[in-house]
Amino acid sequence: MSCRKVFVKPAVWITVEDFGTYKDSDGKTRNVKRFTFENIHATTVQVINWGATITTIKVPDRNGKIEDVITGFDSIQEYLGKGNGYYGSTIGRVANRIAKGRFNIEGVDYQLATNNGANHLHGGIQGFDKVLWNYHVNGTQLILTYLSPNLEEGYPGDVLATVTFQLTHDNQFKIDYKAVTNKITPVNMTNHSYFNLGGHGSGPDSLYQHEVTINADRYTETDNSGIPTGKLIDVSGTIFDLRVPRLLADVISKVPDSPGYDHNYCVTRASSQDVAFVARVLHRPSGRILEIYSDQPGVQFYTGNFMPQDKSSQGKGATYCKHGAFCLETQIYPDAINHANFPNVLLRPGEEYRHVAIYKFLVEN
């Protein structure tokens, strides 16, 4: 009786390749790596260690046709360019806005870089999205680390940030954020991927065909510059009520004083520690579904209102423009450092910041 060896392909695998080079501020040439996750269901996710950035998510539709459903670029030079609106990036130390870039911790005033008018946005001029992260592949996990030095962009304390990416066999893409510090400091990390489930270049007409559900009964009221007033507003009876599915074509133009949604929703959760259902988005023409789960208290829903109107942004062979994609950024509330009634955003020595986000891809037949 003869025996034959049979090779069984794993359910998930990762490959590593070069993604190009760039020169840092000291003139040193830095090499960027790209990591490709694949699973047995034809789902592909690609991440580069510059900015801990997700560059590609390819998933099939109801007929098996595979499309890339996030915006991005084919080269590191494009990611370094002005046309990159945080596409797929890891955001930190603090996501979203901080009023005037100012806060006080235990009697000490801090002034951050201001890069959004008079306010601080997404970590400043050189946030976590604009640095090269160290990398390590552990089985089917990609682990990226970055040491942010004391007073980088004005933030106090050294912070060691870790982001772990993992694709599962059942089409869940998991992001696990961790951070520790040697001095009390605010930390609020997120990912800034722009999705269009009809395909990353299918534009506004496709975006309007998305049905959006967000598990939140309140949102944070903001002023004209996007800074929270401190009030939490009940969504009941308003255009912000997305607790049941609403087609974007029916609601996006009705958002008051805005060209679309750009609001932090207060996620309904059973406890402060649980990973809860955050949002579900269905693109009925393709059947693609994105579900998001997280342990964070908020999620920023953004409909690409400030993507270029002149179609000047190009990426991966497509043209990106206003309302061409949406973001769902799990987070602590914006400007939480300046609002005592918002969830805590301060990380202290001896503590660990933790944030889990899960993106689950499904298909409706």
Protein backbone atom coordinates (compact mmCIF):
# COMPACT_ATOMS: atom_id res chain seq x y z
CA MET A 1 0.00 0.00 0.00
CA SER A 2 1.53 3.34 -1.04
CA CYS A 3 1.14 6.65 0.76
CA ARG A 4 0.88 10.04 -0.89
CA LYS A 5 1.49 13.38 0.75
CA VAL A 6 -1.34 15.85 0.25
CA PHE A 7 -0.70 19.59 0.55
CA VAL A 8 -3.61 21.43 2.17
CA LYS A 9 -3.62 25.16 1.61
CA PRO A 10 -4.11 27.15 4.85
CA ALA A 11 -7.35 29.06 5.38
CA VAL A 12 -5.46 32.38 5.66
CA TRP A 13 -1.97 33.33 4.56
CA ILE A 14 0.27 36.41 4.42
CA THR A 15 2.93 37.41 1.90
CA VAL A 16 5.47 40.24 2.22
CA GLU A 17 6.95 42.36 -0.56
CA ASP A 18 8.61 45.72 -1.18
CA PHE A 19 6.35 48.71 -1.79
CA GLY A 20 8.99 51.29 -2.70
CA THR A 21 11.29 53.74 -0.98
CA TYR A 22 11.28 57.36 0.15
CA LYS A 23 13.69 59.75 1.84
CA ASP A 24 12.92 60.78 5.40
CA SER A 25 13.50 64.24 6.90
CA ASP A 26 17.18 63.37 7.47
CA GLY A 27 17.66 62.37 3.82
CA LYS A 28 17.89 58.68 4.67
CA THR A 29 16.31 56.22 2.24
CA ARG A 30 13.57 54.21 3.93
CA ASN A 31 12.08 50.98 2.60
CA VAL A 32 8.33 50.42 2.78
CA LYS A 33 6.86 46.91 2.97
CA ARG A 34 3.46 45.68 1.80
CA PHE A 35 1.73 42.77 3.53
CA THR A 36 -0.96 40.84 1.67
CA PHE A 37 -3.55 38.81 3.58
CA GLU A 38 -5.58 36.26 1.60
CA ASN A 39 -8.14 33.68 2.62
CA ILE A 40 -9.94 30.76 1.01
CA HIS A 41 -13.00 32.93 0.23
CA ALA A 42 -11.07 35.12 -2.26
CA THR A 43 -10.84 38.03 0.18
CA THR A 44 -7.63 40.04 0.00
CA VAL A 45 -6.42 42.79 2.34
CA GLN A 46 -3.17 44.71 1.86
CA VAL A 47 -1.41 46.84 4.47
CA ILE A 48 1.78 48.90 4.25
CA ASN A 49 3.91 49.85 7.23
CA TRP A 50 4.02 53.53 6.21
CA GLY A 51 1.24 55.02 8.29
CA ALA A 52 0.08 51.48 9.21
CA THR A 53 -2.14 51.96 6.18
CA ILE A 54 -4.72 49.60 4.67
CA THR A 55 -4.29 50.03 0.91
CA THR A 56 -6.62 47.37 -0.49
CA ILE A 57 -9.64 45.32 0.50
CA LYS A 58 -10.93 43.02 -2.24
CA VAL A 59 -14.15 41.09 -1.68
CA PRO A 60 -16.57 39.28 -4.02
CA ASP A 61 -20.13 40.35 -4.79
CA ARG A 62 -23.17 38.06 -4.98
CA ASN A 63 -22.00 36.80 -8.39
CA GLY A 64 -18.43 36.19 -7.32
CA LYS A 65 -17.06 39.32 -8.99
CA ILE A 66 -14.19 40.70 -6.94
CA GLU A 67 -13.75 44.45 -6.42
CA ASP A 68 -11.43 46.58 -4.31
CA VAL A 69 -13.77 48.46 -1.95
CA ILE A 70 -11.45 51.07 -0.37
CA THR A 71 -9.71 54.12 -1.80
CA GLY A 72 -5.93 54.17 -2.01
CA PHE A 73 -2.85 54.34 -4.21
CA ASP A 74 -0.40 52.09 -6.03
CA SER A 75 2.83 53.76 -4.87
CA ILE A 76 4.42 55.20 -1.75
CA GLN A 77 5.01 58.48 -3.60
CA GLU A 78 1.23 58.92 -3.98
CA TYR A 79 0.69 58.21 -0.29
CA LEU A 80 3.24 60.93 0.47
CA GLY A 81 1.44 63.40 -1.82
CA LYS A 82 -1.16 66.06 -1.13
CA GLY A 83 -3.95 63.99 -2.67
CA ASN A 84 -3.95 61.55 0.25
CA GLY A 85 -6.91 62.31 2.51
CA TYR A 86 -5.78 59.85 5.22
CA TYR A 87 -6.82 56.97 2.93
CA GLY A 88 -6.68 53.76 4.98
CA SER A 89 -4.33 55.27 7.56
CA THR A 90 -3.93 54.56 11.25
CA ILE A 91 -4.71 57.82 13.04
CA GLY A 92 -3.07 58.93 16.31
CA ARG A 93 -2.16 59.94 18.89
CA VAL A 94 -5.65 61.40 18.92
CA ALA A 95 -8.19 60.93 16.13
CA ASN A 96 -10.59 63.67 15.10
CA ARG A 97 -10.44 67.26 16.38
CA ILE A 98 -9.13 68.98 19.49
CA ALA A 99 -10.38 72.55 19.92
CA LYS A 100 -7.64 75.11 19.27
CA GLY A 101 -5.14 72.27 19.74
CA ARG A 102 -5.21 73.00 23.47
CA PHE A 103 -5.81 71.05 26.66
CA ASN A 104 -4.82 71.03 30.30
CA ILE A 105 -3.66 67.98 32.26
CA GLU A 106 -3.29 68.30 36.02
CA GLY A 107 -2.70 72.04 35.82
CA VAL A 108 -0.28 71.96 32.89
CA ASP A 109 -1.30 73.58 29.59
CA TYR A 110 -0.35 71.92 26.31
CA GLN A 111 -0.44 73.39 22.81
CA LEU A 112 -0.58 70.98 19.87
CA ALA A 113 0.05 71.62 16.21
CA THR A 114 -3.01 73.12 14.49
CA ASN A 115 -3.63 71.70 11.03
CA ASN A 116 -7.39 72.14 10.57
CA GLY A 117 -7.96 75.85 10.68
CA ALA A 118 -7.46 76.83 14.32
CA ASN A 119 -7.94 73.22 15.48
CA HIS A 120 -5.85 70.07 15.78
CA LEU A 121 -6.90 67.15 13.53
CA HIS A 122 -5.92 63.47 13.40
CA GLY A 123 -2.68 63.73 15.35
CA GLY A 124 -1.35 66.90 13.74
CA ILE A 125 1.00 67.73 10.91
CA GLN A 126 2.90 64.46 11.29
CA GLY A 127 0.62 62.04 13.06
CA PHE A 128 0.82 58.26 13.16
CA ASP A 129 -0.39 58.21 9.54
CA LYS A 130 2.86 59.84 8.32
CA VAL A 131 5.54 57.70 9.95
CA LEU A 132 7.15 54.36 9.15
CA TRP A 133 6.15 51.62 11.59
CA ASN A 134 8.31 48.65 12.60
CA TYR A 135 6.81 45.29 11.62
CA HIS A 136 6.65 41.67 12.69
CA VAL A 137 4.61 38.82 11.17
CA ASN A 138 3.38 36.26 13.69
CA GLY A 139 1.49 33.48 11.93
CA THR A 140 -1.55 35.18 10.38
CA GLN A 141 -1.07 38.39 12.36
CA LEU A 142 0.76 41.52 11.25
CA ILE A 143 2.08 43.49 14.24
CA LEU A 144 3.16 47.09 13.65
CA THR A 145 4.79 49.27 16.34
CA TYR A 146 5.74 52.93 16.60
CA LEU A 147 7.44 54.82 19.43
CA SER A 148 6.08 58.37 19.53
CA PRO A 149 8.53 60.58 21.45
CA ASN A 150 7.70 63.10 24.14
CA LEU A 151 6.24 66.34 22.73
CA GLU A 152 5.81 64.96 19.20
CA GLU A 153 3.20 67.32 17.72
CA GLY A 154 3.02 68.81 21.24
CA TYR A 155 1.77 65.70 23.08
CA PRO A 156 3.33 64.90 26.46
CA GLY A 157 5.11 61.63 27.17
CA ASP A 158 6.63 58.83 25.15
CA VAL A 159 3.96 56.51 23.73
CA LEU A 160 4.59 53.02 22.37
CA ALA A 161 1.74 52.22 19.98
CA THR A 162 1.00 48.74 18.62
CA VAL A 163 -1.50 47.85 15.92
CA THR A 164 -2.22 44.20 15.10
CA PHE A 165 -4.02 43.31 11.86
CA GLN A 166 -5.55 39.90 11.19
CA LEU A 167 -7.79 38.45 8.48
CA THR A 168 -9.81 35.40 9.47
CA HIS A 169 -11.12 32.50 7.42
CA ASP A 170 -14.69 33.83 7.77
CA ASN A 171 -14.03 37.28 6.26
CA GLN A 172 -13.45 39.27 9.40
CA PHE A 173 -10.62 41.78 9.37
CA LYS A 174 -9.61 42.57 12.93
CA ILE A 175 -7.61 45.54 14.17
CA ASP A 176 -6.32 45.54 17.73
CA TYR A 177 -4.80 48.81 18.95
CA LYS A 178 -2.67 49.07 22.10
CA ALA A 179 -0.58 51.84 23.65
CA VAL A 180 1.42 52.50 26.82
CA THR A 181 3.01 55.72 28.05
CA ASN A 182 5.49 57.05 30.62
CA LYS A 183 3.53 60.27 31.19
CA ILE A 184 -0.18 61.02 31.31
CA THR A 185 -1.36 61.83 27.77
CA PRO A 186 -4.46 61.57 25.57
CA VAL A 187 -4.67 58.58 23.20
CA ASN A 188 -7.51 57.86 20.77
CA MET A 189 -6.49 55.80 17.73
CA THR A 190 -8.59 54.73 14.75
CA ASN A 191 -8.42 53.67 11.11
CA HIS A 192 -9.45 56.05 8.33
CA SER A 193 -10.40 53.70 5.47
CA TYR A 194 -12.83 55.11 2.88
CA PHE A 195 -15.28 52.46 1.65
CA ASN A 196 -17.45 52.13 -1.42
CA LEU A 197 -18.91 48.63 -1.58
CA GLY A 198 -19.68 49.07 -5.26
CA GLY A 199 -15.96 49.43 -5.93
CA HIS A 200 -13.46 52.06 -4.81
CA GLY A 201 -13.81 54.07 -8.01
CA SER A 202 -17.56 53.75 -8.57
CA GLY A 203 -18.24 57.27 -7.29
CA PRO A 204 -21.21 59.13 -5.79
CA ASP A 205 -23.90 57.31 -7.75
CA SER A 206 -22.76 54.09 -6.11
CA LEU A 207 -22.35 55.68 -2.68
CA TYR A 208 -25.97 56.87 -2.71
CA GLN A 209 -27.08 53.24 -3.15
CA HIS A 210 -25.71 52.22 0.25
CA GLU A 211 -28.18 51.46 3.04
CA VAL A 212 -26.66 52.50 6.37
CA THR A 213 -27.53 51.38 9.90
CA ILE A 214 -25.73 52.78 12.97
CA ASN A 215 -26.37 51.46 16.47
CA ALA A 216 -26.62 54.82 18.24
CA ASP A 217 -29.42 56.83 19.80
CA ARG A 218 -27.36 60.02 20.27
CA TYR A 219 -24.69 62.03 18.49
CA THR A 220 -22.32 64.78 19.61
CA GLU A 221 -23.48 68.25 18.61
CA THR A 222 -20.75 70.37 17.00
CA ASP A 223 -20.15 73.98 16.05
CA ASN A 224 -19.42 75.13 12.50
CA SER A 225 -15.76 74.04 12.76
CA GLY A 226 -16.63 70.49 13.81
CA ILE A 227 -15.82 70.98 17.50
CA PRO A 228 -18.29 69.40 19.95
CA THR A 229 -20.35 71.76 22.09
CA GLY A 230 -20.55 69.14 24.84
CA LYS A 231 -24.20 68.33 24.17
CA LEU A 232 -25.35 64.81 23.26
CA ILE A 233 -28.38 65.03 20.98
CA ASP A 234 -31.14 62.42 20.71
CA VAL A 235 -31.42 61.19 17.12
CA SER A 236 -35.13 60.39 17.40
CA GLY A 237 -37.20 62.05 14.68
CA THR A 238 -34.16 63.53 12.94
CA ILE A 239 -32.13 62.87 9.81
CA PHE A 240 -29.43 61.50 12.14
CA ASP A 241 -31.55 58.53 13.18
CA LEU A 242 -29.87 55.59 11.43
CA ARG A 243 -30.96 52.91 13.88
CA VAL A 244 -32.89 51.29 11.04
CA PRO A 245 -31.49 51.10 7.49
CA ARG A 246 -31.69 54.31 5.48
CA LEU A 247 -30.69 54.70 1.86
CA LEU A 248 -28.10 57.47 1.50
CA ALA A 249 -29.82 58.75 -1.63
CA ASP A 250 -32.83 59.60 0.53
CA VAL A 251 -31.05 61.36 3.39
CA ILE A 252 -27.59 62.70 2.54
CA SER A 253 -28.82 65.97 1.04
CA LYS A 254 -31.06 66.62 4.05
CA VAL A 255 -28.29 66.85 6.66
CA PRO A 256 -28.61 70.42 8.01
CA ASP A 257 -25.76 72.92 7.53
CA SER A 258 -23.55 70.29 5.91
CA PRO A 259 -22.89 68.67 2.52
CA GLY A 260 -23.42 65.28 4.12
CA TYR A 261 -22.70 63.27 7.25
CA ASP A 262 -19.57 64.04 9.29
CA HIS A 263 -20.78 63.28 12.80
CA ASN A 264 -19.71 61.30 15.83
CA TYR A 265 -22.38 58.81 16.90
CA CYS A 266 -22.58 57.59 20.51
CA VAL A 267 -22.67 53.80 20.16
CA THR A 268 -25.28 51.93 22.23
CA ARG A 269 -23.40 49.37 24.32
CA ALA A 270 -24.35 47.06 27.19
CA SER A 271 -21.16 47.89 29.14
CA SER A 272 -18.02 49.99 28.77
CA GLN A 273 -15.89 46.93 27.97
CA ASP A 274 -17.91 44.92 25.45
CA VAL A 275 -17.31 44.60 21.74
CA ALA A 276 -20.65 45.80 20.40
CA PHE A 277 -22.37 46.02 17.04
CA VAL A 278 -21.60 49.47 15.62
CA ALA A 279 -22.85 49.66 12.04
CA ARG A 280 -24.07 47.74 9.01
CA VAL A 281 -23.85 48.96 5.43
CA LEU A 282 -25.51 47.18 2.50
CA HIS A 283 -24.83 47.96 -1.15
CA ARG A 284 -27.87 46.30 -2.64
CA PRO A 285 -26.77 46.38 -6.32
CA SER A 286 -23.71 44.20 -5.54
CA GLY A 287 -25.01 42.48 -2.43
CA ARG A 288 -21.86 43.38 -0.49
CA ILE A 289 -22.32 44.03 3.22
CA LEU A 290 -19.93 45.58 5.74
CA GLU A 291 -20.58 45.11 9.46
CA ILE A 292 -18.47 46.83 12.10
CA TYR A 293 -18.03 45.83 15.74
CA SER A 294 -15.96 47.67 18.34
CA ASP A 295 -15.40 48.30 22.04
CA GLN A 296 -15.20 52.07 21.54
CA PRO A 297 -17.95 54.49 22.68
CA GLY A 298 -18.19 56.39 19.39
CA VAL A 299 -17.98 56.15 15.62
CA GLN A 300 -17.45 58.97 13.14
CA PHE A 301 -19.68 58.58 10.09
CA TYR A 302 -18.27 60.57 7.17
CA THR A 303 -19.59 60.58 3.60
CA GLY A 304 -16.58 62.03 1.77
CA ASN A 305 -17.96 65.57 1.79
CA PHE A 306 -14.55 67.16 1.34
CA MET A 307 -13.11 64.82 -1.24
CA PRO A 308 -12.21 66.91 -4.34
CA GLN A 309 -15.18 68.16 -6.34
CA ASP A 310 -13.08 68.57 -9.49
CA LYS A 311 -12.23 64.84 -9.71
CA SER A 312 -8.54 65.72 -9.41
CA SER A 313 -7.72 62.84 -7.06
CA GLN A 314 -6.60 59.66 -8.78
CA GLY A 315 -5.85 56.32 -7.15
CA LYS A 316 -5.40 52.72 -8.26
CA GLY A 317 -6.60 53.59 -11.76
CA ALA A 318 -9.75 55.35 -10.54
CA THR A 319 -10.94 58.91 -9.96
CA TYR A 320 -12.05 59.94 -6.46
CA CYS A 321 -14.43 62.83 -5.86
CA LYS A 322 -16.92 64.30 -3.38
CA HIS A 323 -19.29 61.65 -1.96
CA GLY A 324 -17.21 58.94 -3.59
CA ALA A 325 -16.78 56.90 -0.40
CA PHE A 326 -17.69 56.75 3.29
CA CYS A 327 -15.80 56.26 6.55
CA LEU A 328 -16.87 54.67 9.82
CA GLU A 329 -14.12 55.50 12.32
CA THR A 330 -14.51 53.81 15.71
CA GLN A 331 -13.22 56.15 18.41
CA ILE A 332 -13.60 58.00 21.69
CA TYR A 333 -15.65 61.18 21.16
CA PRO A 334 -13.91 64.13 19.44
CA ASP A 335 -12.32 66.74 21.74
CA ALA A 336 -12.97 64.44 24.71
CA ILE A 337 -9.94 65.89 26.48
CA ASN A 338 -11.86 69.18 26.87
CA HIS A 339 -15.26 67.76 27.94
CA ALA A 340 -15.65 66.27 31.41
CA ASN A 341 -18.92 64.56 30.42
CA PHE A 342 -17.31 62.65 27.53
CA PRO A 343 -15.63 59.22 27.87
CA ASN A 344 -12.10 59.25 29.26
CA VAL A 345 -9.32 59.78 26.72
CA LEU A 346 -6.36 59.99 29.10
CA LEU A 347 -3.78 57.19 29.30
CA ARG A 348 -1.65 57.03 32.45
CA PRO A 349 1.65 55.29 33.18
CA GLY A 350 1.01 51.68 34.18
CA GLU A 351 -2.22 51.53 32.13
CA GLU A 352 -2.77 50.12 28.63
CA TYR A 353 -4.89 51.78 25.97
CA ARG A 354 -6.90 49.15 24.09
CA HIS A 355 -9.20 49.43 21.11
CA VAL A 356 -10.63 46.53 19.12
CA ALA A 357 -12.37 47.02 15.76
CA ILE A 358 -13.74 44.23 13.57
CA TYR A 359 -14.77 44.66 9.92
CA LYS A 360 -16.92 41.76 8.74
CA PHE A 361 -17.68 41.29 5.04
CA LEU A 362 -20.80 39.42 3.93
CA VAL A 363 -22.84 38.96 0.76
CA GLU A 364 -26.60 39.20 0.39
CA ASN A 365 -27.94 36.78 -2.24
